[in-house]
Amino acid sequence: MIKERPAFALPGWSTLFALIAFTILLGVAVVVTAVIEQWAAFVVVVVLASLVWIPYMGFTAVAPNEARAIVLLGRYKGTIREQGFWWVNPFAYPRTKVSVKVRNFESSRLKVNDHDGNPIEIAAVVVWRVIETAEALFEVDDYDQFLMVQTEAAIRNVVTSYPYDSHLDGEVSLRGNPHEIGEKIGAEIQSRLAKAGIEVMDSRISHLAYAPEIASAMLRRQQANAIIAARTRIVEGAVSMVEMALAELSDKKIVRLDEERKAAMVSNLLVVLCSEHETQPVVNAGTLYQG
């Protein structure tokens, strides 16, 4: 595996001034050797002057949050990470620019079956950056495309392990625990991108819904579950209130009720407390036992 290492590079401005001074000296030498008719020296100086442009090809600039990977005759020679103006071997080509900025990638909406086999649509946003330029360039063909494919594969793998909605207390679900699911997707993506020199900084679910063909049926199921949950709470509260009413009547000795009248009172209170509509009171004009 190719690992990143620093490339040999000289400060650009000082090298440029040195080359300019050398070029001027060569020009003076051409004139002087021609004047004094030293033809052998003249030929040498002219040849050097004709090749003086080659070192100028070694200058390269590195912008902030950018790196340059240097390749010489098919061999990786290192990476320049420090921003500025630099001089490298003029025969080193290509000098591939690699952005090390933080970037976002949003996957397409994928249709996947959850743990219960229900088709859902899901998409995720991944925050990433290149941390190993040599691996990103030489270990994979195209690291942007590699990221895209591996992200979608990781999302599919994670989603199939969890249900859309939790059916048990404490069960992790896609809709109920989006933060935890996003972290698991990020960890899965990172494990797949370890050889590509990419760091996954964050991942979040950006879209989550049932597939259109089952969305209406699942909506009815969610509504039914909500109604059942609400009814359960209402019944629990009503039973608690009836229990409290009977206890208060008994403790304060307001009225003594036999078991039959207790049952009737419990029935009436539960009707009043659990009914969806307002109840109409019936006034008992007789005794407790005669209406």
C-alpha atoms as a PDB file:
ATOM      1  CA  MET A   1       0.000   0.000   0.000  1.00  0.00           C
ATOM      2  CA  ILE A   2       1.325   3.440  -0.968  1.00  0.00           C
ATOM      3  CA  LYS A   3       1.561   5.815   2.000  1.00  0.00           C
ATOM      4  CA  GLU A   4       1.813   9.583   1.886  1.00  0.00           C
ATOM      5  CA  ARG A   5       5.210  11.147   2.544  1.00  0.00           C
ATOM      6  CA  PRO A   6       6.617  14.677   2.195  1.00  0.00           C
ATOM      7  CA  ALA A   7       7.952  15.572  -1.234  1.00  0.00           C
ATOM      8  CA  PHE A   8      11.299  17.290  -1.822  1.00  0.00           C
ATOM      9  CA  ALA A   9      10.574  20.938  -2.588  1.00  0.00           C
ATOM     10  CA  LEU A  10      12.512  24.205  -2.413  1.00  0.00           C
ATOM     11  CA  PRO A  11      11.044  27.621  -1.556  1.00  0.00           C
ATOM     12  CA  GLY A  12       9.772  29.036  -4.813  1.00  0.00           C
ATOM     13  CA  TRP A  13      10.648  32.709  -4.554  1.00  0.00           C
ATOM     14  CA  SER A  14      14.286  32.282  -3.546  1.00  0.00           C
ATOM     15  CA  THR A  15      14.743  29.637  -6.255  1.00  0.00           C
ATOM     16  CA  LEU A  16      13.135  31.928  -8.819  1.00  0.00           C
ATOM     17  CA  PHE A  17      15.495  34.809  -7.960  1.00  0.00           C
ATOM     18  CA  ALA A  18      18.458  32.445  -8.183  1.00  0.00           C
ATOM     19  CA  LEU A  19      17.358  31.209 -11.600  1.00  0.00           C
ATOM     20  CA  ILE A  20      16.847  34.762 -12.842  1.00  0.00           C
ATOM     21  CA  ALA A  21      20.351  35.689 -11.682  1.00  0.00           C
ATOM     22  CA  PHE A  22      21.763  32.567 -13.344  1.00  0.00           C
ATOM     23  CA  THR A  23      19.925  33.406 -16.582  1.00  0.00           C
ATOM     24  CA  ILE A  24      21.388  36.942 -16.566  1.00  0.00           C
ATOM     25  CA  LEU A  25      24.887  35.550 -15.991  1.00  0.00           C
ATOM     26  CA  LEU A  26      24.462  33.177 -18.934  1.00  0.00           C
ATOM     27  CA  GLY A  27      23.423  36.085 -21.143  1.00  0.00           C
ATOM     28  CA  VAL A  28      26.483  38.076 -20.086  1.00  0.00           C
ATOM     29  CA  ALA A  29      28.678  35.010 -20.661  1.00  0.00           C
ATOM     30  CA  VAL A  30      27.333  34.586 -24.194  1.00  0.00           C
ATOM     31  CA  VAL A  31      28.238  38.183 -25.028  1.00  0.00           C
ATOM     32  CA  VAL A  32      31.662  38.049 -23.382  1.00  0.00           C
ATOM     33  CA  THR A  33      32.714  34.744 -25.002  1.00  0.00           C
ATOM     34  CA  ALA A  34      31.595  36.063 -28.401  1.00  0.00           C
ATOM     35  CA  VAL A  35      33.554  39.290 -27.966  1.00  0.00           C
ATOM     36  CA  ILE A  36      36.785  37.574 -26.899  1.00  0.00           C
ATOM     37  CA  GLU A  37      36.231  34.885 -29.527  1.00  0.00           C
ATOM     38  CA  GLN A  38      36.428  31.952 -27.121  1.00  0.00           C
ATOM     39  CA  TRP A  39      34.305  29.731 -29.358  1.00  0.00           C
ATOM     40  CA  ALA A  40      34.516  26.591 -27.291  1.00  0.00           C
ATOM     41  CA  ALA A  41      33.280  28.430 -24.199  1.00  0.00           C
ATOM     42  CA  PHE A  42      30.756  30.248 -26.384  1.00  0.00           C
ATOM     43  CA  VAL A  43      29.236  26.939 -27.535  1.00  0.00           C
ATOM     44  CA  VAL A  44      28.983  25.642 -23.953  1.00  0.00           C
ATOM     45  CA  VAL A  45      27.334  28.829 -22.745  1.00  0.00           C
ATOM     46  CA  VAL A  46      24.886  28.864 -25.664  1.00  0.00           C
ATOM     47  CA  VAL A  47      23.880  25.261 -24.947  1.00  0.00           C
ATOM     48  CA  LEU A  48      23.315  26.114 -21.274  1.00  0.00           C
ATOM     49  CA  ALA A  49      21.317  29.190 -22.256  1.00  0.00           C
ATOM     50  CA  SER A  50      19.121  27.113 -24.557  1.00  0.00           C
ATOM     51  CA  LEU A  51      18.317  24.765 -21.661  1.00  0.00           C
ATOM     52  CA  VAL A  52      17.852  27.368 -18.958  1.00  0.00           C
ATOM     53  CA  TRP A  53      14.052  27.339 -19.440  1.00  0.00           C
ATOM     54  CA  ILE A  54      13.803  23.771 -18.089  1.00  0.00           C
ATOM     55  CA  PRO A  55      14.262  24.638 -14.369  1.00  0.00           C
ATOM     56  CA  TYR A  56      11.496  27.218 -14.702  1.00  0.00           C
ATOM     57  CA  MET A  57       9.082  24.343 -15.326  1.00  0.00           C
ATOM     58  CA  GLY A  58       9.553  23.190 -11.722  1.00  0.00           C
ATOM     59  CA  PHE A  59       7.560  25.972 -10.089  1.00  0.00           C
ATOM     60  CA  THR A  60       4.203  25.093  -8.607  1.00  0.00           C
ATOM     61  CA  ALA A  61       1.746  26.770  -6.245  1.00  0.00           C
ATOM     62  CA  VAL A  62      -0.200  25.112  -3.431  1.00  0.00           C
ATOM     63  CA  ALA A  63      -3.397  26.830  -2.283  1.00  0.00           C
ATOM     64  CA  PRO A  64      -4.803  26.651   1.273  1.00  0.00           C
ATOM     65  CA  ASN A  65      -6.463  23.293   2.076  1.00  0.00           C
ATOM     66  CA  GLU A  66      -4.875  21.804  -0.991  1.00  0.00           C
ATOM     67  CA  ALA A  67      -2.088  19.311  -1.611  1.00  0.00           C
ATOM     68  CA  ARG A  68       0.092  18.396  -4.584  1.00  0.00           C
ATOM     69  CA  ALA A  69       1.080  14.788  -5.196  1.00  0.00           C
ATOM     70  CA  ILE A  70       4.385  14.592  -7.112  1.00  0.00           C
ATOM     71  CA  VAL A  71       5.024  11.759  -9.573  1.00  0.00           C
ATOM     72  CA  LEU A  72       8.369  11.306 -11.374  1.00  0.00           C
ATOM     73  CA  LEU A  73       8.626   8.803 -14.215  1.00  0.00           C
ATOM     74  CA  GLY A  74       5.704   6.792 -12.899  1.00  0.00           C
ATOM     75  CA  ARG A  75       6.893   6.725  -9.279  1.00  0.00           C
ATOM     76  CA  TYR A  76       5.254   8.554  -6.406  1.00  0.00           C
ATOM     77  CA  LYS A  77       7.769  10.982  -4.879  1.00  0.00           C
ATOM     78  CA  GLY A  78       5.712  12.575  -2.130  1.00  0.00           C
ATOM     79  CA  THR A  79       3.111  15.225  -1.397  1.00  0.00           C
ATOM     80  CA  ILE A  80       3.413  18.955  -0.760  1.00  0.00           C
ATOM     81  CA  ARG A  81       0.835  19.960   1.852  1.00  0.00           C
ATOM     82  CA  GLU A  82       2.126  23.363   2.975  1.00  0.00           C
ATOM     83  CA  GLN A  83       0.562  26.241   1.084  1.00  0.00           C
ATOM     84  CA  GLY A  84       2.758  28.613  -0.875  1.00  0.00           C
ATOM     85  CA  PHE A  85       5.055  28.844  -3.916  1.00  0.00           C
ATOM     86  CA  TRP A  86       7.439  25.903  -4.374  1.00  0.00           C
ATOM     87  CA  TRP A  87      10.027  24.494  -6.751  1.00  0.00           C
ATOM     88  CA  VAL A  88      10.218  20.765  -7.428  1.00  0.00           C
ATOM     89  CA  ASN A  89      11.968  18.576  -9.942  1.00  0.00           C
ATOM     90  CA  PRO A  90      10.913  20.053 -13.324  1.00  0.00           C
ATOM     91  CA  PHE A  91      10.595  16.565 -14.817  1.00  0.00           C
ATOM     92  CA  ALA A  92       8.101  15.518 -12.121  1.00  0.00           C
ATOM     93  CA  TYR A  93       4.726  15.162 -13.820  1.00  0.00           C
ATOM     94  CA  PRO A  94       1.910  14.994 -13.059  1.00  0.00           C
ATOM     95  CA  ARG A  95       1.647  17.196  -9.984  1.00  0.00           C
ATOM     96  CA  THR A  96      -1.883  16.168  -9.104  1.00  0.00           C
ATOM     97  CA  LYS A  97      -3.937  18.610  -7.078  1.00  0.00           C
ATOM     98  CA  VAL A  98      -5.879  17.034  -4.206  1.00  0.00           C
ATOM     99  CA  SER A  99      -8.393  19.023  -2.184  1.00  0.00           C
ATOM    100  CA  VAL A 100      -8.235  18.343   1.559  1.00  0.00           C
ATOM    101  CA  LYS A 101     -11.210  20.578   2.324  1.00  0.00           C
ATOM    102  CA  VAL A 102     -14.210  19.323   4.250  1.00  0.00           C
ATOM    103  CA  ARG A 103     -16.889  18.298   1.772  1.00  0.00           C
ATOM    104  CA  ASN A 104     -20.488  17.072   1.796  1.00  0.00           C
ATOM    105  CA  PHE A 105     -22.007  14.223  -0.123  1.00  0.00           C
ATOM    106  CA  GLU A 106     -25.718  13.409  -0.173  1.00  0.00           C
ATOM    107  CA  SER A 107     -26.683   9.994  -1.404  1.00  0.00           C
ATOM    108  CA  SER A 108     -29.582   9.419  -3.726  1.00  0.00           C
ATOM    109  CA  ARG A 109     -32.877   8.190  -2.288  1.00  0.00           C
ATOM    110  CA  LEU A 110     -32.458   4.438  -1.976  1.00  0.00           C
ATOM    111  CA  LYS A 111     -35.298   1.943  -1.792  1.00  0.00           C
ATOM    112  CA  VAL A 112     -34.333  -0.657   0.814  1.00  0.00           C
ATOM    113  CA  ASN A 113     -36.188  -3.259   2.864  1.00  0.00           C
ATOM    114  CA  ASP A 114     -35.929  -2.695   6.605  1.00  0.00           C
ATOM    115  CA  HIS A 115     -35.475  -5.456   9.183  1.00  0.00           C
ATOM    116  CA  ASP A 116     -39.191  -6.333   8.979  1.00  0.00           C
ATOM    117  CA  GLY A 117     -39.109  -6.525   5.189  1.00  0.00           C
ATOM    118  CA  ASN A 118     -40.988  -3.253   4.620  1.00  0.00           C
ATOM    119  CA  PRO A 119     -39.755  -1.246   1.615  1.00  0.00           C
ATOM    120  CA  ILE A 120     -38.589   2.223   2.654  1.00  0.00           C
ATOM    121  CA  GLU A 121     -36.855   5.195   1.049  1.00  0.00           C
ATOM    122  CA  ILE A 122     -33.748   6.562   2.741  1.00  0.00           C
ATOM    123  CA  ALA A 123     -30.953   9.020   1.969  1.00  0.00           C
ATOM    124  CA  ALA A 124     -28.013  10.263   4.032  1.00  0.00           C
ATOM    125  CA  VAL A 125     -25.604  13.207   4.096  1.00  0.00           C
ATOM    126  CA  VAL A 126     -21.940  12.393   4.690  1.00  0.00           C
ATOM    127  CA  VAL A 127     -19.321  14.953   5.740  1.00  0.00           C
ATOM    128  CA  TRP A 128     -15.848  13.832   4.655  1.00  0.00           C
ATOM    129  CA  ARG A 129     -12.357  14.886   3.652  1.00  0.00           C
ATOM    130  CA  VAL A 130      -9.172  13.392   2.218  1.00  0.00           C
ATOM    131  CA  ILE A 131      -6.528  12.762   4.892  1.00  0.00           C
ATOM    132  CA  GLU A 132      -4.173  10.462   2.940  1.00  0.00           C
ATOM    133  CA  THR A 133      -3.472  11.826  -0.537  1.00  0.00           C
ATOM    134  CA  ALA A 134      -1.389   8.874  -1.755  1.00  0.00           C
ATOM    135  CA  GLU A 135      -4.072   6.332  -0.873  1.00  0.00           C
ATOM    136  CA  ALA A 136      -6.831   8.494  -2.350  1.00  0.00           C
ATOM    137  CA  LEU A 137      -4.986   8.828  -5.669  1.00  0.00           C
ATOM    138  CA  PHE A 138      -3.290   5.478  -6.109  1.00  0.00           C
ATOM    139  CA  GLU A 139      -5.234   2.887  -4.099  1.00  0.00           C
ATOM    140  CA  VAL A 140      -8.615   3.526  -5.739  1.00  0.00           C
ATOM    141  CA  ASP A 141      -9.482   4.510  -9.296  1.00  0.00           C
ATOM    142  CA  ASP A 142     -11.666   7.541  -8.466  1.00  0.00           C
ATOM    143  CA  TYR A 143     -12.113   8.324  -4.778  1.00  0.00           C
ATOM    144  CA  ASP A 144     -15.208  10.486  -5.362  1.00  0.00           C
ATOM    145  CA  GLN A 145     -16.970   7.666  -7.194  1.00  0.00           C
ATOM    146  CA  PHE A 146     -15.636   5.154  -4.667  1.00  0.00           C
ATOM    147  CA  LEU A 147     -17.145   7.214  -1.834  1.00  0.00           C
ATOM    148  CA  MET A 148     -20.508   7.358  -3.592  1.00  0.00           C
ATOM    149  CA  VAL A 149     -20.745   3.611  -4.207  1.00  0.00           C
ATOM    150  CA  GLN A 150     -19.511   2.598  -0.750  1.00  0.00           C
ATOM    151  CA  THR A 151     -21.856   5.055   0.969  1.00  0.00           C
ATOM    152  CA  GLU A 152     -24.896   3.552  -0.725  1.00  0.00           C
ATOM    153  CA  ALA A 153     -23.683   0.039   0.070  1.00  0.00           C
ATOM    154  CA  ALA A 154     -23.185   0.972   3.740  1.00  0.00           C
ATOM    155  CA  ILE A 155     -26.654   2.531   3.987  1.00  0.00           C
ATOM    156  CA  ARG A 156     -28.258  -0.613   2.567  1.00  0.00           C
ATOM    157  CA  ASN A 157     -26.311  -2.818   4.962  1.00  0.00           C
ATOM    158  CA  VAL A 158     -27.257  -0.804   8.068  1.00  0.00           C
ATOM    159  CA  VAL A 159     -30.917  -0.268   7.170  1.00  0.00           C
ATOM    160  CA  THR A 160     -31.612  -3.989   6.766  1.00  0.00           C
ATOM    161  CA  SER A 161     -30.587  -4.509  10.409  1.00  0.00           C
ATOM    162  CA  TYR A 162     -33.231  -2.213  11.977  1.00  0.00           C
ATOM    163  CA  PRO A 163     -37.023  -1.824  11.718  1.00  0.00           C
ATOM    164  CA  TYR A 164     -38.591   1.416  10.557  1.00  0.00           C
ATOM    165  CA  ASP A 165     -40.601   1.695  13.793  1.00  0.00           C
ATOM    166  CA  SER A 166     -39.822   0.070  17.131  1.00  0.00           C
ATOM    167  CA  HIS A 167     -42.304  -2.522  18.382  1.00  0.00           C
ATOM    168  CA  LEU A 168     -40.698  -3.118  21.780  1.00  0.00           C
ATOM    169  CA  ASP A 169     -39.576  -0.746  24.522  1.00  0.00           C
ATOM    170  CA  GLY A 170     -35.915   0.158  24.092  1.00  0.00           C
ATOM    171  CA  GLU A 171     -35.688  -1.230  20.545  1.00  0.00           C
ATOM    172  CA  VAL A 172     -33.566   0.856  18.159  1.00  0.00           C
ATOM    173  CA  SER A 173     -35.471   1.896  15.039  1.00  0.00           C
ATOM    174  CA  LEU A 174     -34.761   4.009  11.976  1.00  0.00           C
ATOM    175  CA  ARG A 175     -37.441   6.587  12.761  1.00  0.00           C
ATOM    176  CA  GLY A 176     -37.058   6.600  16.527  1.00  0.00           C
ATOM    177  CA  ASN A 177     -33.242   6.757  16.702  1.00  0.00           C
ATOM    178  CA  PRO A 178     -31.991   8.764  13.699  1.00  0.00           C
ATOM    179  CA  HIS A 179     -28.863   9.983  15.515  1.00  0.00           C
ATOM    180  CA  GLU A 180     -27.732   6.479  16.463  1.00  0.00           C
ATOM    181  CA  ILE A 181     -28.497   5.147  12.985  1.00  0.00           C
ATOM    182  CA  GLY A 182     -26.539   8.023  11.416  1.00  0.00           C
ATOM    183  CA  GLU A 183     -23.522   7.180  13.575  1.00  0.00           C
ATOM    184  CA  LYS A 184     -23.741   3.505  12.585  1.00  0.00           C
ATOM    185  CA  ILE A 185     -23.916   4.466   8.920  1.00  0.00           C
ATOM    186  CA  GLY A 186     -20.851   6.702   9.375  1.00  0.00           C
ATOM    187  CA  ALA A 187     -18.906   3.911  11.070  1.00  0.00           C
ATOM    188  CA  GLU A 188     -19.868   1.478   8.304  1.00  0.00           C
ATOM    189  CA  ILE A 189     -18.774   3.946   5.601  1.00  0.00           C
ATOM    190  CA  GLN A 190     -15.482   4.643   7.389  1.00  0.00           C
ATOM    191  CA  SER A 191     -14.652   0.941   7.549  1.00  0.00           C
ATOM    192  CA  ARG A 192     -15.182   0.704   3.796  1.00  0.00           C
ATOM    193  CA  LEU A 193     -13.128   3.827   3.010  1.00  0.00           C
ATOM    194  CA  ALA A 194     -10.106   2.991   5.165  1.00  0.00           C
ATOM    195  CA  LYS A 195      -8.034   2.080   2.099  1.00  0.00           C
ATOM    196  CA  ALA A 196      -9.049   5.203   0.185  1.00  0.00           C
ATOM    197  CA  GLY A 197      -7.448   7.754   2.530  1.00  0.00           C
ATOM    198  CA  ILE A 198     -10.826   9.330   3.388  1.00  0.00           C
ATOM    199  CA  GLU A 199     -12.075  10.334   6.826  1.00  0.00           C
ATOM    200  CA  VAL A 200     -15.824  10.363   7.506  1.00  0.00           C
ATOM    201  CA  MET A 201     -16.417  13.235   9.926  1.00  0.00           C
ATOM    202  CA  ASP A 202     -20.190  12.985  10.282  1.00  0.00           C
ATOM    203  CA  SER A 203     -23.219  11.308   8.759  1.00  0.00           C
ATOM    204  CA  ARG A 204     -26.915  12.051   9.127  1.00  0.00           C
ATOM    205  CA  ILE A 205     -30.147  10.693   7.659  1.00  0.00           C
ATOM    206  CA  SER A 206     -31.564  13.351   5.317  1.00  0.00           C
ATOM    207  CA  HIS A 207     -34.668  11.502   4.109  1.00  0.00           C
ATOM    208  CA  LEU A 208     -36.661   8.631   5.594  1.00  0.00           C
ATOM    209  CA  ALA A 209     -40.104   7.446   4.523  1.00  0.00           C
ATOM    210  CA  TYR A 210     -42.047   4.356   3.618  1.00  0.00           C
ATOM    211  CA  ALA A 211     -42.018   3.489  -0.077  1.00  0.00           C
ATOM    212  CA  PRO A 212     -45.048   4.967  -1.928  1.00  0.00           C
ATOM    213  CA  GLU A 213     -46.652   1.565  -2.536  1.00  0.00           C
ATOM    214  CA  ILE A 214     -47.101   0.910   1.212  1.00  0.00           C
ATOM    215  CA  ALA A 215     -47.120   4.449   2.606  1.00  0.00           C
ATOM    216  CA  SER A 216     -50.923   4.698   2.953  1.00  0.00           C
ATOM    217  CA  ALA A 217     -51.201   1.298   4.637  1.00  0.00           C
ATOM    218  CA  MET A 218     -48.391   2.114   7.054  1.00  0.00           C
ATOM    219  CA  LEU A 219     -49.993   5.481   7.841  1.00  0.00           C
ATOM    220  CA  ARG A 220     -53.197   3.714   8.837  1.00  0.00           C
ATOM    221  CA  ARG A 221     -51.213   1.330  11.001  1.00  0.00           C
ATOM    222  CA  GLN A 222     -49.439   4.239  12.705  1.00  0.00           C
ATOM    223  CA  GLN A 223     -52.787   5.933  13.314  1.00  0.00           C
ATOM    224  CA  ALA A 224     -54.184   2.722  14.787  1.00  0.00           C
ATOM    225  CA  ASN A 225     -51.175   2.360  17.061  1.00  0.00           C
ATOM    226  CA  ALA A 226     -51.568   5.972  18.191  1.00  0.00           C
ATOM    227  CA  ILE A 227     -55.257   5.435  18.952  1.00  0.00           C
ATOM    228  CA  ILE A 228     -54.499   2.269  20.928  1.00  0.00           C
ATOM    229  CA  ALA A 229     -51.768   4.047  22.893  1.00  0.00           C
ATOM    230  CA  ALA A 230     -54.081   6.969  23.657  1.00  0.00           C
ATOM    231  CA  ARG A 231     -56.897   4.668  24.732  1.00  0.00           C
ATOM    232  CA  THR A 232     -54.528   2.762  26.978  1.00  0.00           C
ATOM    233  CA  ARG A 233     -53.494   5.962  28.734  1.00  0.00           C
ATOM    234  CA  ILE A 234     -57.118   7.051  29.093  1.00  0.00           C
ATOM    235  CA  VAL A 235     -58.145   3.735  30.635  1.00  0.00           C
ATOM    236  CA  GLU A 236     -55.173   3.760  33.002  1.00  0.00           C
ATOM    237  CA  GLY A 237     -56.067   7.276  34.125  1.00  0.00           C
ATOM    238  CA  ALA A 238     -59.767   6.447  34.473  1.00  0.00           C
ATOM    239  CA  VAL A 239     -59.088   3.376  36.605  1.00  0.00           C
ATOM    240  CA  SER A 240     -56.795   5.447  38.800  1.00  0.00           C
ATOM    241  CA  MET A 241     -59.460   8.134  39.231  1.00  0.00           C
ATOM    242  CA  VAL A 242     -62.172   5.553  40.059  1.00  0.00           C
ATOM    243  CA  GLU A 243     -59.902   3.920  42.599  1.00  0.00           C
ATOM    244  CA  MET A 244     -59.186   7.293  44.170  1.00  0.00           C
ATOM    245  CA  ALA A 245     -62.909   8.197  44.280  1.00  0.00           C
ATOM    246  CA  LEU A 246     -63.874   4.950  46.012  1.00  0.00           C
ATOM    247  CA  ALA A 247     -61.020   5.339  48.500  1.00  0.00           C
ATOM    248  CA  GLU A 248     -62.037   8.923  49.319  1.00  0.00           C
ATOM    249  CA  LEU A 249     -65.691   7.958  49.808  1.00  0.00           C
ATOM    250  CA  SER A 250     -64.702   5.114  52.103  1.00  0.00           C
ATOM    251  CA  ASP A 251     -62.125   7.071  54.116  1.00  0.00           C
ATOM    252  CA  LYS A 252     -64.376  10.055  54.697  1.00  0.00           C
ATOM    253  CA  LYS A 253     -67.407   7.842  55.313  1.00  0.00           C
ATOM    254  CA  ILE A 254     -69.566   9.927  52.994  1.00  0.00           C
ATOM    255  CA  VAL A 255     -71.588   6.945  51.847  1.00  0.00           C
ATOM    256  CA  ARG A 256     -71.437   3.220  52.270  1.00  0.00           C
ATOM    257  CA  LEU A 257     -71.716   1.177  49.087  1.00  0.00           C
ATOM    258  CA  ASP A 258     -72.159  -2.539  48.750  1.00  0.00           C
ATOM    259  CA  GLU A 259     -70.368  -4.458  46.036  1.00  0.00           C
ATOM    260  CA  GLU A 260     -73.242  -4.141  43.573  1.00  0.00           C
ATOM    261  CA  ARG A 261     -73.389  -0.351  43.928  1.00  0.00           C
ATOM    262  CA  LYS A 262     -69.623  -0.109  43.742  1.00  0.00           C
ATOM    263  CA  ALA A 263     -69.741  -2.007  40.475  1.00  0.00           C
ATOM    264  CA  ALA A 264     -72.460   0.316  39.150  1.00  0.00           C
ATOM    265  CA  MET A 265     -70.484   3.395  40.223  1.00  0.00           C
ATOM    266  CA  VAL A 266     -67.320   2.066  38.626  1.00  0.00           C
ATOM    267  CA  SER A 267     -69.223   1.379  35.412  1.00  0.00           C
ATOM    268  CA  ASN A 268     -70.734   4.871  35.333  1.00  0.00           C
ATOM    269  CA  LEU A 269     -67.432   6.596  36.072  1.00  0.00           C
ATOM    270  CA  LEU A 270     -65.609   4.621  33.398  1.00  0.00           C
ATOM    271  CA  VAL A 271     -68.298   5.535  30.865  1.00  0.00           C
ATOM    272  CA  VAL A 272     -67.967   9.205  31.770  1.00  0.00           C
ATOM    273  CA  LEU A 273     -64.157   9.221  31.747  1.00  0.00           C
ATOM    274  CA  CYS A 274     -63.564   7.015  28.705  1.00  0.00           C
ATOM    275  CA  SER A 275     -66.351   8.178  26.416  1.00  0.00           C
ATOM    276  CA  GLU A 276     -65.404  10.090  23.267  1.00  0.00           C
ATOM    277  CA  HIS A 277     -68.535  12.230  23.566  1.00  0.00           C
ATOM    278  CA  GLU A 278     -70.033  14.246  26.400  1.00  0.00           C
ATOM    279  CA  THR A 279     -72.238  12.098  28.619  1.00  0.00           C
ATOM    280  CA  GLN A 280     -75.771  13.092  29.540  1.00  0.00           C
ATOM    281  CA  PRO A 281     -76.435  12.860  33.312  1.00  0.00           C
ATOM    282  CA  VAL A 282     -79.517  11.019  34.604  1.00  0.00           C
ATOM    283  CA  VAL A 283     -80.949  12.443  37.822  1.00  0.00           C
ATOM    284  CA  ASN A 284     -82.045   9.763  40.310  1.00  0.00           C
ATOM    285  CA  ALA A 285     -85.113  11.139  42.126  1.00  0.00           C
ATOM    286  CA  GLY A 286     -85.623   8.060  44.263  1.00  0.00           C
ATOM    287  CA  THR A 287     -83.472   6.344  46.838  1.00  0.00           C
ATOM    288  CA  LEU A 288     -80.103   4.865  46.277  1.00  0.00           C
ATOM    289  CA  TYR A 289     -81.667   1.552  45.350  1.00  0.00           C
ATOM    290  CA  GLN A 290     -84.753   2.825  43.511  1.00  0.00           C
ATOM    291  CA  GLY A 291     -84.668   5.017  40.447  1.00  0.00           C
END
